């Protein structure tokens, strides 16, 4: 097996040129969607692009939607009354008042 790669080094170049774009696209998508497990799996395993392609076209579509942002309610043109704007905060971002 090693003899093939020594005699034909262009095979390695073709494999790298095939794998690199697929791996980059899959890693980008996994990172943007917050799929840490998939990100680490794609980084560690080298499957010649097979796992990368499967992730991009199959697995990334399963439950990886970004969190929906709460939008400001639209006001009616004749309604001058301000409607409250509700935001969603993470538990760690709440400001706690100090007891004096």
C-alpha atoms as a PDB file:
ATOM      1  CA  UNK A   1       0.000   0.000   0.000  1.00  0.00           C
ATOM      2  CA  UNK A   2       2.786   2.435   0.896  1.00  0.00           C
ATOM      3  CA  UNK A   3       4.475   1.565  -2.364  1.00  0.00           C
ATOM      4  CA  UNK A   4       1.544   2.995  -4.315  1.00  0.00           C
ATOM      5  CA  UNK A   5       1.832   6.353  -2.549  1.00  0.00           C
ATOM      6  CA  UNK A   6       5.605   6.445  -3.006  1.00  0.00           C
ATOM      7  CA  UNK A   7       5.396   5.644  -6.706  1.00  0.00           C
ATOM      8  CA  UNK A   8       2.405   7.918  -7.344  1.00  0.00           C
ATOM      9  CA  UNK A   9       2.558  10.943  -5.016  1.00  0.00           C
ATOM     10  CA  UNK A  10      -0.122  12.731  -7.042  1.00  0.00           C
ATOM     11  CA  UNK A  11      -2.696  10.420  -5.392  1.00  0.00           C
ATOM     12  CA  UNK A  12      -2.082  12.159  -2.065  1.00  0.00           C
ATOM     13  CA  UNK A  13      -2.561  15.560  -3.701  1.00  0.00           C
ATOM     14  CA  UNK A  14      -5.872  14.445  -5.231  1.00  0.00           C
ATOM     15  CA  UNK A  15      -7.077  13.068  -1.871  1.00  0.00           C
ATOM     16  CA  UNK A  16      -6.169  16.306  -0.079  1.00  0.00           C
ATOM     17  CA  UNK A  17      -7.819  18.457  -2.761  1.00  0.00           C
ATOM     18  CA  UNK A  18     -10.980  16.336  -2.501  1.00  0.00           C
ATOM     19  CA  UNK A  19     -11.122  16.192   1.304  1.00  0.00           C
ATOM     20  CA  UNK A  20     -10.145  19.737   2.273  1.00  0.00           C
ATOM     21  CA  UNK A  21     -13.131  21.670   0.857  1.00  0.00           C
ATOM     22  CA  UNK A  22     -15.632  19.128   2.212  1.00  0.00           C
ATOM     23  CA  UNK A  23     -14.032  19.168   5.651  1.00  0.00           C
ATOM     24  CA  UNK A  24     -13.917  22.976   5.716  1.00  0.00           C
ATOM     25  CA  UNK A  25     -17.589  23.272   4.721  1.00  0.00           C
ATOM     26  CA  UNK A  26     -18.702  20.656   7.255  1.00  0.00           C
ATOM     27  CA  UNK A  27     -16.666  22.229  10.062  1.00  0.00           C
ATOM     28  CA  UNK A  28     -18.042  25.675   9.227  1.00  0.00           C
ATOM     29  CA  UNK A  29     -21.620  24.424   9.280  1.00  0.00           C
ATOM     30  CA  UNK A  30     -21.128  22.445  12.515  1.00  0.00           C
ATOM     31  CA  UNK A  31     -19.571  25.453  14.237  1.00  0.00           C
ATOM     32  CA  UNK A  32     -22.299  27.862  13.082  1.00  0.00           C
ATOM     33  CA  UNK A  33     -25.053  25.522  14.269  1.00  0.00           C
ATOM     34  CA  UNK A  34     -23.387  24.778  17.599  1.00  0.00           C
ATOM     35  CA  UNK A  35     -22.948  21.047  16.987  1.00  0.00           C
ATOM     36  CA  UNK A  36     -19.886  20.499  19.152  1.00  0.00           C
ATOM     37  CA  UNK A  37     -20.031  16.707  18.922  1.00  0.00           C
ATOM     38  CA  UNK A  38     -20.142  16.756  15.153  1.00  0.00           C
ATOM     39  CA  UNK A  39     -17.385  19.368  15.009  1.00  0.00           C
ATOM     40  CA  UNK A  40     -15.038  17.213  17.085  1.00  0.00           C
ATOM     41  CA  UNK A  41     -15.961  14.055  15.162  1.00  0.00           C
ATOM     42  CA  UNK A  42     -15.235  15.700  11.811  1.00  0.00           C
ATOM     43  CA  UNK A  43     -11.929  17.116  13.088  1.00  0.00           C
ATOM     44  CA  UNK A  44     -10.728  13.773  14.475  1.00  0.00           C
ATOM     45  CA  UNK A  45     -11.955  11.285  11.873  1.00  0.00           C
ATOM     46  CA  UNK A  46     -10.651  11.315   8.328  1.00  0.00           C
ATOM     47  CA  UNK A  47     -13.143   9.484   6.121  1.00  0.00           C
ATOM     48  CA  UNK A  48     -12.043  10.979   2.791  1.00  0.00           C
ATOM     49  CA  UNK A  49     -14.968  13.352   2.798  1.00  0.00           C
ATOM     50  CA  UNK A  50     -17.712  10.765   3.283  1.00  0.00           C
ATOM     51  CA  UNK A  51     -18.671  11.811   6.823  1.00  0.00           C
ATOM     52  CA  UNK A  52     -18.286  15.472   5.874  1.00  0.00           C
ATOM     53  CA  UNK A  53     -20.678  15.134   2.929  1.00  0.00           C
ATOM     54  CA  UNK A  54     -23.185  13.183   5.011  1.00  0.00           C
ATOM     55  CA  UNK A  55     -23.112  15.847   7.710  1.00  0.00           C
ATOM     56  CA  UNK A  56     -23.599  18.697   5.234  1.00  0.00           C
ATOM     57  CA  UNK A  57     -26.518  17.149   3.348  1.00  0.00           C
ATOM     58  CA  UNK A  58     -28.204  14.931   5.951  1.00  0.00           C
ATOM     59  CA  UNK A  59     -27.349  15.425   9.600  1.00  0.00           C
ATOM     60  CA  UNK A  60     -26.950  19.211   9.745  1.00  0.00           C
ATOM     61  CA  UNK A  61     -30.615  19.629   8.837  1.00  0.00           C
ATOM     62  CA  UNK A  62     -31.792  17.622  11.895  1.00  0.00           C
ATOM     63  CA  UNK A  63     -32.678  19.917  14.777  1.00  0.00           C
ATOM     64  CA  UNK A  64     -29.855  22.383  14.310  1.00  0.00           C
ATOM     65  CA  UNK A  65     -31.934  25.443  13.703  1.00  0.00           C
ATOM     66  CA  UNK A  66     -30.678  28.598  15.332  1.00  0.00           C
ATOM     67  CA  UNK A  67     -32.638  29.927  18.247  1.00  0.00           C
ATOM     68  CA  UNK A  68     -35.444  32.139  17.139  1.00  0.00           C
ATOM     69  CA  UNK A  69     -35.115  35.723  18.206  1.00  0.00           C
ATOM     70  CA  UNK A  70     -38.090  37.486  19.666  1.00  0.00           C
ATOM     71  CA  UNK A  71     -39.017  40.268  17.319  1.00  0.00           C
ATOM     72  CA  UNK A  72     -40.521  43.594  18.197  1.00  0.00           C
ATOM     73  CA  UNK A  73     -44.249  43.580  17.593  1.00  0.00           C
ATOM     74  CA  UNK A  74     -45.196  45.787  14.674  1.00  0.00           C
ATOM     75  CA  UNK A  75     -47.361  48.771  15.481  1.00  0.00           C
ATOM     76  CA  UNK A  76     -50.471  49.620  13.528  1.00  0.00           C
ATOM     77  CA  UNK A  77     -50.305  52.969  11.688  1.00  0.00           C
ATOM     78  CA  UNK A  78     -53.237  54.448  13.651  1.00  0.00           C
ATOM     79  CA  UNK A  79     -52.111  53.033  17.012  1.00  0.00           C
ATOM     80  CA  UNK A  80     -49.811  55.457  18.848  1.00  0.00           C
ATOM     81  CA  UNK A  81     -49.622  53.337  22.000  1.00  0.00           C
ATOM     82  CA  UNK A  82     -46.211  51.758  22.607  1.00  0.00           C
ATOM     83  CA  UNK A  83     -46.250  47.996  22.945  1.00  0.00           C
ATOM     84  CA  UNK A  84     -43.756  46.433  25.346  1.00  0.00           C
ATOM     85  CA  UNK A  85     -40.655  44.855  23.875  1.00  0.00           C
ATOM     86  CA  UNK A  86     -39.794  41.554  25.452  1.00  0.00           C
ATOM     87  CA  UNK A  87     -36.278  40.151  25.391  1.00  0.00           C
ATOM     88  CA  UNK A  88     -34.889  36.818  26.349  1.00  0.00           C
ATOM     89  CA  UNK A  89     -31.803  36.735  28.569  1.00  0.00           C
ATOM     90  CA  UNK A  90     -29.528  33.883  29.508  1.00  0.00           C
ATOM     91  CA  UNK A  91     -29.468  32.966  33.188  1.00  0.00           C
ATOM     92  CA  UNK A  92     -25.904  34.228  33.561  1.00  0.00           C
ATOM     93  CA  UNK A  93     -26.612  37.661  32.123  1.00  0.00           C
ATOM     94  CA  UNK A  94     -29.126  38.838  34.720  1.00  0.00           C
ATOM     95  CA  UNK A  95     -28.040  41.772  36.793  1.00  0.00           C
ATOM     96  CA  UNK A  96     -28.432  41.103  40.476  1.00  0.00           C
ATOM     97  CA  UNK A  97     -28.750  43.978  42.867  1.00  0.00           C
ATOM     98  CA  UNK A  98     -26.435  44.049  45.831  1.00  0.00           C
ATOM     99  CA  UNK A  99     -27.961  44.196  49.288  1.00  0.00           C
ATOM    100  CA  UNK A 100     -26.825  47.297  51.134  1.00  0.00           C
END
